């Protein structure tokens, strides 16, 4: 039987692929920035689900570090798009 955590992670990977389509086809830089942030958020969610599925705490640690770095990069992109850099 397939573990429901793997199914949820697979669905999130499909959503990441859809967000990547928006990233490449986005008409404005703001749409692309939102797509990058969405990909980062979904990647953190996938890491957490895999951590639960494999019962390994290292996935959660990596997800926390990745989320912090993603937040900082999102702030940097927002400042760049706002014209402050």
PDB file of N, CA and C in Angstrom:
ATOM      1  N   UNK A   1       0.838  -1.188   0.000  1.00  0.00           N
ATOM      2  CA  UNK A   1       0.000   0.000   0.000  1.00  0.00           C
ATOM      3  C   UNK A   1       0.879   1.245   0.000  1.00  0.00           C
ATOM      4  N   UNK A   2       0.451   2.238  -0.725  1.00  0.00           N
ATOM      5  CA  UNK A   2       1.217   3.479  -0.831  1.00  0.00           C
ATOM      6  C   UNK A   2       0.930   4.354   0.389  1.00  0.00           C
ATOM      7  N   UNK A   3       2.003   4.867   0.961  1.00  0.00           N
ATOM      8  CA  UNK A   3       1.883   5.739   2.123  1.00  0.00           C
ATOM      9  C   UNK A   3       1.259   7.074   1.697  1.00  0.00           C
ATOM     10  N   UNK A   4       0.294   7.595   2.440  1.00  0.00           N
ATOM     11  CA  UNK A   4      -0.344   8.863   2.044  1.00  0.00           C
ATOM     12  C   UNK A   4       0.628  10.048   2.046  1.00  0.00           C
ATOM     13  N   UNK A   5       1.715   9.960   2.800  1.00  0.00           N
ATOM     14  CA  UNK A   5       2.695  11.050   2.782  1.00  0.00           C
ATOM     15  C   UNK A   5       3.362  11.164   1.416  1.00  0.00           C
ATOM     16  N   UNK A   6       3.610  10.024   0.781  1.00  0.00           N
ATOM     17  CA  UNK A   6       4.221  10.044  -0.548  1.00  0.00           C
ATOM     18  C   UNK A   6       3.263  10.618  -1.592  1.00  0.00           C
ATOM     19  N   UNK A   7       1.989  10.305  -1.446  1.00  0.00           N
ATOM     20  CA  UNK A   7       0.991  10.847  -2.370  1.00  0.00           C
ATOM     21  C   UNK A   7       0.907  12.362  -2.228  1.00  0.00           C
ATOM     22  N   UNK A   8       0.905  12.837  -1.003  1.00  0.00           N
ATOM     23  CA  UNK A   8       0.854  14.282  -0.769  1.00  0.00           C
ATOM     24  C   UNK A   8       2.104  14.961  -1.307  1.00  0.00           C
ATOM     25  N   UNK A   9       3.265  14.356  -1.104  1.00  0.00           N
ATOM     26  CA  UNK A   9       4.509  14.930  -1.624  1.00  0.00           C
ATOM     27  C   UNK A   9       4.491  14.946  -3.140  1.00  0.00           C
ATOM     28  N   UNK A  10       3.974  13.901  -3.762  1.00  0.00           N
ATOM     29  CA  UNK A  10       3.895  13.850  -5.221  1.00  0.00           C
ATOM     30  C   UNK A  10       2.970  14.936  -5.760  1.00  0.00           C
ATOM     31  N   UNK A  11       1.844  15.154  -5.088  1.00  0.00           N
ATOM     32  CA  UNK A  11       0.934  16.224  -5.512  1.00  0.00           C
ATOM     33  C   UNK A  11       1.592  17.597  -5.384  1.00  0.00           C
ATOM     34  N   UNK A  12       2.377  17.788  -4.335  1.00  0.00           N
ATOM     35  CA  UNK A  12       3.077  19.059  -4.181  1.00  0.00           C
ATOM     36  C   UNK A  12       4.148  19.240  -5.262  1.00  0.00           C
ATOM     37  N   UNK A  13       4.782  18.154  -5.662  1.00  0.00           N
ATOM     38  CA  UNK A  13       5.772  18.247  -6.747  1.00  0.00           C
ATOM     39  C   UNK A  13       5.079  18.637  -8.052  1.00  0.00           C
ATOM     40  N   UNK A  14       3.872  18.124  -8.282  1.00  0.00           N
ATOM     41  CA  UNK A  14       3.108  18.532  -9.466  1.00  0.00           C
ATOM     42  C   UNK A  14       2.795  20.025  -9.400  1.00  0.00           C
ATOM     43  N   UNK A  15       2.443  20.516  -8.219  1.00  0.00           N
ATOM     44  CA  UNK A  15       2.180  21.951  -8.057  1.00  0.00           C
ATOM     45  C   UNK A  15       3.441  22.782  -8.271  1.00  0.00           C
ATOM     46  N   UNK A  16       4.586  22.251  -7.871  1.00  0.00           N
ATOM     47  CA  UNK A  16       5.855  22.938  -8.129  1.00  0.00           C
ATOM     48  C   UNK A  16       6.072  23.058  -9.631  1.00  0.00           C
ATOM     49  N   UNK A  17       5.774  21.995 -10.359  1.00  0.00           N
ATOM     50  CA  UNK A  17       5.931  22.039 -11.816  1.00  0.00           C
ATOM     51  C   UNK A  17       5.010  23.088 -12.436  1.00  0.00           C
ATOM     52  N   UNK A  18       3.791  23.189 -11.950  1.00  0.00           N
ATOM     53  CA  UNK A  18       2.879  24.217 -12.454  1.00  0.00           C
ATOM     54  C   UNK A  18       3.375  25.622 -12.125  1.00  0.00           C
ATOM     55  N   UNK A  19       3.946  25.791 -10.944  1.00  0.00           N
ATOM     56  CA  UNK A  19       4.498  27.100 -10.585  1.00  0.00           C
ATOM     57  C   UNK A  19       5.715  27.429 -11.444  1.00  0.00           C
ATOM     58  N   UNK A  20       6.483  26.411 -11.823  1.00  0.00           N
ATOM     59  CA  UNK A  20       7.618  26.648 -12.711  1.00  0.00           C
ATOM     60  C   UNK A  20       7.161  27.089 -14.098  1.00  0.00           C
ATOM     61  N   UNK A  21       6.025  26.569 -14.540  1.00  0.00           N
ATOM     62  CA  UNK A  21       5.461  27.038 -15.810  1.00  0.00           C
ATOM     63  C   UNK A  21       5.126  28.515 -15.700  1.00  0.00           C
ATOM     64  N   UNK A  22       4.526  28.923 -14.589  1.00  0.00           N
ATOM     65  CA  UNK A  22       4.209  30.341 -14.381  1.00  0.00           C
ATOM     66  C   UNK A  22       5.487  31.172 -14.295  1.00  0.00           C
ATOM     67  N   UNK A  23       6.532  30.595 -13.736  1.00  0.00           N
ATOM     68  CA  UNK A  23       7.799  31.304 -13.632  1.00  0.00           C
ATOM     69  C   UNK A  23       8.354  31.626 -15.015  1.00  0.00           C
ATOM     70  N   UNK A  24       8.285  30.678 -15.934  1.00  0.00           N
ATOM     71  CA  UNK A  24       8.844  30.898 -17.261  1.00  0.00           C
ATOM     72  C   UNK A  24       7.909  31.679 -18.172  1.00  0.00           C
ATOM     73  N   UNK A  25       6.601  31.590 -17.957  1.00  0.00           N
ATOM     74  CA  UNK A  25       5.641  32.261 -18.825  1.00  0.00           C
ATOM     75  C   UNK A  25       5.053  33.531 -18.226  1.00  0.00           C
ATOM     76  N   UNK A  26       5.455  33.872 -17.016  1.00  0.00           N
ATOM     77  CA  UNK A  26       4.867  35.028 -16.342  1.00  0.00           C
ATOM     78  C   UNK A  26       5.038  36.301 -17.142  1.00  0.00           C
ATOM     79  N   UNK A  27       3.961  37.059 -17.311  1.00  0.00           N
ATOM     80  CA  UNK A  27       4.066  38.263 -18.141  1.00  0.00           C
ATOM     81  C   UNK A  27       4.829  39.410 -17.476  1.00  0.00           C
ATOM     82  N   UNK A  28       4.854  39.453 -16.159  1.00  0.00           N
ATOM     83  CA  UNK A  28       5.534  40.561 -15.488  1.00  0.00           C
ATOM     84  C   UNK A  28       6.563  40.013 -14.508  1.00  0.00           C
ATOM     85  N   UNK A  29       7.539  40.834 -14.147  1.00  0.00           N
ATOM     86  CA  UNK A  29       8.506  40.387 -13.130  1.00  0.00           C
ATOM     87  C   UNK A  29       7.860  40.076 -11.783  1.00  0.00           C
ATOM     88  N   UNK A  30       6.791  40.765 -11.447  1.00  0.00           N
ATOM     89  CA  UNK A  30       6.108  40.483 -10.179  1.00  0.00           C
ATOM     90  C   UNK A  30       5.496  39.080 -10.186  1.00  0.00           C
ATOM     91  N   UNK A  31       4.928  38.684 -11.327  1.00  0.00           N
ATOM     92  CA  UNK A  31       4.390  37.320 -11.432  1.00  0.00           C
ATOM     93  C   UNK A  31       5.494  36.291 -11.269  1.00  0.00           C
ATOM     94  N   UNK A  32       6.642  36.573 -11.833  1.00  0.00           N
ATOM     95  CA  UNK A  32       7.770  35.648 -11.710  1.00  0.00           C
ATOM     96  C   UNK A  32       8.270  35.579 -10.268  1.00  0.00           C
ATOM     97  N   UNK A  33       8.266  36.704  -9.571  1.00  0.00           N
ATOM     98  CA  UNK A  33       8.698  36.716  -8.172  1.00  0.00           C
ATOM     99  C   UNK A  33       7.742  35.905  -7.299  1.00  0.00           C
ATOM    100  N   UNK A  34       6.455  36.033  -7.560  1.00  0.00           N
ATOM    101  CA  UNK A  34       5.470  35.252  -6.813  1.00  0.00           C
ATOM    102  C   UNK A  34       5.636  33.766  -7.118  1.00  0.00           C
ATOM    103  N   UNK A  35       5.939  33.438  -8.373  1.00  0.00           N
ATOM    104  CA  UNK A  35       6.148  32.036  -8.735  1.00  0.00           C
ATOM    105  C   UNK A  35       7.373  31.461  -8.037  1.00  0.00           C
ATOM    106  N   UNK A  36       8.442  32.242  -7.939  1.00  0.00           N
ATOM    107  CA  UNK A  36       9.640  31.778  -7.233  1.00  0.00           C
ATOM    108  C   UNK A  36       9.323  31.548  -5.758  1.00  0.00           C
ATOM    109  N   UNK A  37       8.587  32.458  -5.167  1.00  0.00           N
ATOM    110  CA  UNK A  37       8.223  32.296  -3.760  1.00  0.00           C
ATOM    111  C   UNK A  37       7.323  31.074  -3.560  1.00  0.00           C
ATOM    112  N   UNK A  38       6.421  30.831  -4.503  1.00  0.00           N
ATOM    113  CA  UNK A  38       5.555  29.658  -4.427  1.00  0.00           C
ATOM    114  C   UNK A  38       6.362  28.370  -4.533  1.00  0.00           C
ATOM    115  N   UNK A  39       7.315  28.334  -5.456  1.00  0.00           N
ATOM    116  CA  UNK A  39       8.173  27.154  -5.608  1.00  0.00           C
ATOM    117  C   UNK A  39       8.952  26.911  -4.321  1.00  0.00           C
ATOM    118  N   UNK A  40       9.471  27.965  -3.722  1.00  0.00           N
ATOM    119  CA  UNK A  40      10.224  27.809  -2.481  1.00  0.00           C
ATOM    120  C   UNK A  40       9.343  27.297  -1.350  1.00  0.00           C
ATOM    121  N   UNK A  41       8.151  27.831  -1.230  1.00  0.00           N
ATOM    122  CA  UNK A  41       7.239  27.396  -0.178  1.00  0.00           C
ATOM    123  C   UNK A  41       6.826  25.935  -0.365  1.00  0.00           C
ATOM    124  N   UNK A  42       6.517  25.560  -1.601  1.00  0.00           N
ATOM    125  CA  UNK A  42       6.138  24.177  -1.863  1.00  0.00           C
ATOM    126  C   UNK A  42       7.310  23.230  -1.649  1.00  0.00           C
ATOM    127  N   UNK A  43       8.522  23.683  -1.931  1.00  0.00           N
ATOM    128  CA  UNK A  43       9.703  22.847  -1.692  1.00  0.00           C
ATOM    129  C   UNK A  43       9.892  22.588  -0.201  1.00  0.00           C
ATOM    130  N   UNK A  44       9.653  23.602   0.606  1.00  0.00           N
ATOM    131  CA  UNK A  44       9.728  23.428   2.060  1.00  0.00           C
ATOM    132  C   UNK A  44       8.671  22.424   2.515  1.00  0.00           C
ATOM    133  N   UNK A  45       7.466  22.528   1.958  1.00  0.00           N
ATOM    134  CA  UNK A  45       6.404  21.591   2.329  1.00  0.00           C
ATOM    135  C   UNK A  45       6.753  20.160   1.931  1.00  0.00           C
ATOM    136  N   UNK A  46       7.358  19.990   0.757  1.00  0.00           N
ATOM    137  CA  UNK A  46       7.770  18.652   0.321  1.00  0.00           C
ATOM    138  C   UNK A  46       8.839  18.089   1.257  1.00  0.00           C
ATOM    139  N   UNK A  47       9.793  18.927   1.647  1.00  0.00           N
ATOM    140  CA  UNK A  47      10.832  18.466   2.565  1.00  0.00           C
ATOM    141  C   UNK A  47      10.246  18.031   3.901  1.00  0.00           C
ATOM    142  N   UNK A  48       9.274  18.775   4.390  1.00  0.00           N
ATOM    143  CA  UNK A  48       8.650  18.408   5.665  1.00  0.00           C
ATOM    144  C   UNK A  48       7.870  17.100   5.530  1.00  0.00           C
ATOM    145  N   UNK A  49       7.138  16.948   4.433  1.00  0.00           N
ATOM    146  CA  UNK A  49       6.400  15.697   4.226  1.00  0.00           C
ATOM    147  C   UNK A  49       7.338  14.504   4.093  1.00  0.00           C
ATOM    148  N   UNK A  50       8.445  14.680   3.408  1.00  0.00           N
ATOM    149  CA  UNK A  50       9.401  13.585   3.291  1.00  0.00           C
ATOM    150  C   UNK A  50      10.063  13.284   4.634  1.00  0.00           C
ATOM    151  N   UNK A  51      10.270  14.321   5.443  1.00  0.00           N
ATOM    152  CA  UNK A  51      10.797  14.091   6.779  1.00  0.00           C
ATOM    153  C   UNK A  51       9.853  13.259   7.629  1.00  0.00           C
ATOM    154  N   UNK A  52       8.568  13.514   7.487  1.00  0.00           N
ATOM    155  CA  UNK A  52       7.579  12.719   8.218  1.00  0.00           C
ATOM    156  C   UNK A  52       7.514  11.307   7.656  1.00  0.00           C
ATOM    157  N   UNK A  53       7.555  11.180   6.334  1.00  0.00           N
ATOM    158  CA  UNK A  53       7.433   9.866   5.711  1.00  0.00           C
ATOM    159  C   UNK A  53       8.625   8.972   6.053  1.00  0.00           C
ATOM    160  N   UNK A  54       9.825   9.529   6.005  1.00  0.00           N
ATOM    161  CA  UNK A  54      11.025   8.744   6.291  1.00  0.00           C
ATOM    162  C   UNK A  54      11.403   8.748   7.778  1.00  0.00           C
ATOM    163  N   UNK A  55      10.710   9.540   8.570  1.00  0.00           N
ATOM    164  CA  UNK A  55      10.975   9.682  10.000  1.00  0.00           C
ATOM    165  C   UNK A  55      12.429  10.098  10.248  1.00  0.00           C
ATOM    166  N   UNK A  56      12.870  11.095   9.492  1.00  0.00           N
ATOM    167  CA  UNK A  56      14.220  11.641   9.621  1.00  0.00           C
ATOM    168  C   UNK A  56      14.113  13.130   9.941  1.00  0.00           C
ATOM    169  N   UNK A  57      14.699  13.547  11.032  1.00  0.00           N
ATOM    170  CA  UNK A  57      14.618  14.941  11.467  1.00  0.00           C
ATOM    171  C   UNK A  57      15.477  15.855  10.602  1.00  0.00           C
ATOM    172  N   UNK A  58      16.450  15.296   9.883  1.00  0.00           N
ATOM    173  CA  UNK A  58      17.335  16.130   9.073  1.00  0.00           C
ATOM    174  C   UNK A  58      16.565  16.853   7.967  1.00  0.00           C
ATOM    175  N   UNK A  59      15.487  16.226   7.448  1.00  0.00           N
ATOM    176  CA  UNK A  59      14.672  16.882   6.436  1.00  0.00           C
ATOM    177  C   UNK A  59      14.018  18.145   6.996  1.00  0.00           C
ATOM    178  N   UNK A  60      13.588  18.074   8.241  1.00  0.00           N
ATOM    179  CA  UNK A  60      12.954  19.231   8.876  1.00  0.00           C
ATOM    180  C   UNK A  60      13.981  20.345   9.085  1.00  0.00           C
ATOM    181  N   UNK A  61      15.189  19.983   9.508  1.00  0.00           N
ATOM    182  CA  UNK A  61      16.241  20.975   9.697  1.00  0.00           C
ATOM    183  C   UNK A  61      16.589  21.674   8.388  1.00  0.00           C
ATOM    184  N   UNK A  62      16.714  20.893   7.330  1.00  0.00           N
ATOM    185  CA  UNK A  62      17.020  21.473   6.017  1.00  0.00           C
ATOM    186  C   UNK A  62      15.863  22.364   5.561  1.00  0.00           C
ATOM    187  N   UNK A  63      14.638  21.954   5.821  1.00  0.00           N
ATOM    188  CA  UNK A  63      13.480  22.753   5.433  1.00  0.00           C
ATOM    189  C   UNK A  63      13.459  24.093   6.164  1.00  0.00           C
ATOM    190  N   UNK A  64      13.832  24.102   7.429  1.00  0.00           N
ATOM    191  CA  UNK A  64      13.858  25.350   8.193  1.00  0.00           C
ATOM    192  C   UNK A  64      14.913  26.300   7.641  1.00  0.00           C
ATOM    193  N   UNK A  65      16.097  25.788   7.384  1.00  0.00           N
ATOM    194  CA  UNK A  65      17.163  26.630   6.828  1.00  0.00           C
ATOM    195  C   UNK A  65      16.772  27.141   5.450  1.00  0.00           C
ATOM    196  N   UNK A  66      16.192  26.262   4.616  1.00  0.00           N
ATOM    197  CA  UNK A  66      15.775  26.661   3.279  1.00  0.00           C
ATOM    198  C   UNK A  66      14.676  27.720   3.347  1.00  0.00           C
ATOM    199  N   UNK A  67      13.762  27.602   4.303  1.00  0.00           N
ATOM    200  CA  UNK A  67      12.686  28.589   4.441  1.00  0.00           C
ATOM    201  C   UNK A  67      13.242  29.954   4.828  1.00  0.00           C
ATOM    202  N   UNK A  68      14.222  29.986   5.719  1.00  0.00           N
ATOM    203  CA  UNK A  68      14.821  31.262   6.121  1.00  0.00           C
ATOM    204  C   UNK A  68      15.545  31.904   4.940  1.00  0.00           C
ATOM    205  N   UNK A  69      16.328  31.110   4.217  1.00  0.00           N
ATOM    206  CA  UNK A  69      17.035  31.647   3.053  1.00  0.00           C
ATOM    207  C   UNK A  69      16.058  32.090   1.966  1.00  0.00           C
ATOM    208  N   UNK A  70      14.971  31.364   1.816  1.00  0.00           N
ATOM    209  CA  UNK A  70      13.952  31.735   0.844  1.00  0.00           C
ATOM    210  C   UNK A  70      13.291  33.057   1.220  1.00  0.00           C
ATOM    211  N   UNK A  71      13.032  33.241   2.487  1.00  0.00           N
ATOM    212  CA  UNK A  71      12.427  34.490   2.943  1.00  0.00           C
ATOM    213  C   UNK A  71      13.348  35.682   2.674  1.00  0.00           C
ATOM    214  N   UNK A  72      14.626  35.513   2.963  1.00  0.00           N
ATOM    215  CA  UNK A  72      15.580  36.591   2.727  1.00  0.00           C
ATOM    216  C   UNK A  72      15.683  36.897   1.235  1.00  0.00           C
ATOM    217  N   UNK A  73      15.712  35.868   0.414  1.00  0.00           N
ATOM    218  CA  UNK A  73      15.802  36.110  -1.031  1.00  0.00           C
ATOM    219  C   UNK A  73      14.531  36.764  -1.568  1.00  0.00           C
ATOM    220  N   UNK A  74      13.378  36.423  -1.015  1.00  0.00           N
ATOM    221  CA  UNK A  74      12.133  37.068  -1.420  1.00  0.00           C
ATOM    222  C   UNK A  74      12.145  38.547  -1.060  1.00  0.00           C
ATOM    223  N   UNK A  75      12.664  38.875   0.115  1.00  0.00           N
ATOM    224  CA  UNK A  75      12.779  40.289   0.488  1.00  0.00           C
ATOM    225  C   UNK A  75      13.716  41.033  -0.452  1.00  0.00           C
ATOM    226  N   UNK A  76      14.812  40.401  -0.836  1.00  0.00           N
ATOM    227  CA  UNK A  76      15.760  41.021  -1.745  1.00  0.00           C
ATOM    228  C   UNK A  76      15.130  41.252  -3.116  1.00  0.00           C
ATOM    229  N   UNK A  77      14.406  40.269  -3.603  1.00  0.00           N
ATOM    230  CA  UNK A  77      13.728  40.423  -4.902  1.00  0.00           C
ATOM    231  C   UNK A  77      12.686  41.521  -4.837  1.00  0.00           C
ATOM    232  N   UNK A  78      11.954  41.604  -3.745  1.00  0.00           N
ATOM    233  CA  UNK A  78      10.938  42.652  -3.583  1.00  0.00           C
ATOM    234  C   UNK A  78      11.570  44.039  -3.569  1.00  0.00           C
ATOM    235  N   UNK A  79      12.703  44.171  -2.891  1.00  0.00           N
ATOM    236  CA  UNK A  79      13.393  45.461  -2.869  1.00  0.00           C
ATOM    237  C   UNK A  79      13.909  45.810  -4.263  1.00  0.00           C
ATOM    238  N   UNK A  80      14.387  44.818  -4.993  1.00  0.00           N
ATOM    239  CA  UNK A  80      14.896  45.057  -6.340  1.00  0.00           C
ATOM    240  C   UNK A  80      13.766  45.489  -7.264  1.00  0.00           C
ATOM    241  N   UNK A  81      12.613  44.807  -7.175  1.00  0.00           N
ATOM    242  CA  UNK A  81      11.483  45.179  -8.024  1.00  0.00           C
ATOM    243  C   UNK A  81      10.884  46.527  -7.623  1.00  0.00           C
ATOM    244  N   UNK A  82      11.028  46.882  -6.354  1.00  0.00           N
ATOM    245  CA  UNK A  82      10.515  48.167  -5.882  1.00  0.00           C
ATOM    246  C   UNK A  82      11.411  49.332  -6.262  1.00  0.00           C
ATOM    247  N   UNK A  83      12.585  49.041  -6.770  1.00  0.00           N
ATOM    248  CA  UNK A  83      13.492  50.088  -7.211  1.00  0.00           C
ATOM    249  C   UNK A  83      14.359  50.662  -6.132  1.00  0.00           C
ATOM    250  N   UNK A  84      14.487  50.001  -4.993  1.00  0.00           N
ATOM    251  CA  UNK A  84      15.278  50.536  -3.896  1.00  0.00           C
ATOM    252  C   UNK A  84      16.739  50.130  -3.959  1.00  0.00           C
ATOM    253  N   UNK A  85      17.099  49.234  -4.883  1.00  0.00           N
ATOM    254  CA  UNK A  85      18.498  48.807  -4.981  1.00  0.00           C
ATOM    255  C   UNK A  85      19.164  49.435  -6.172  1.00  0.00           C
TER     256      UNK A  85
END
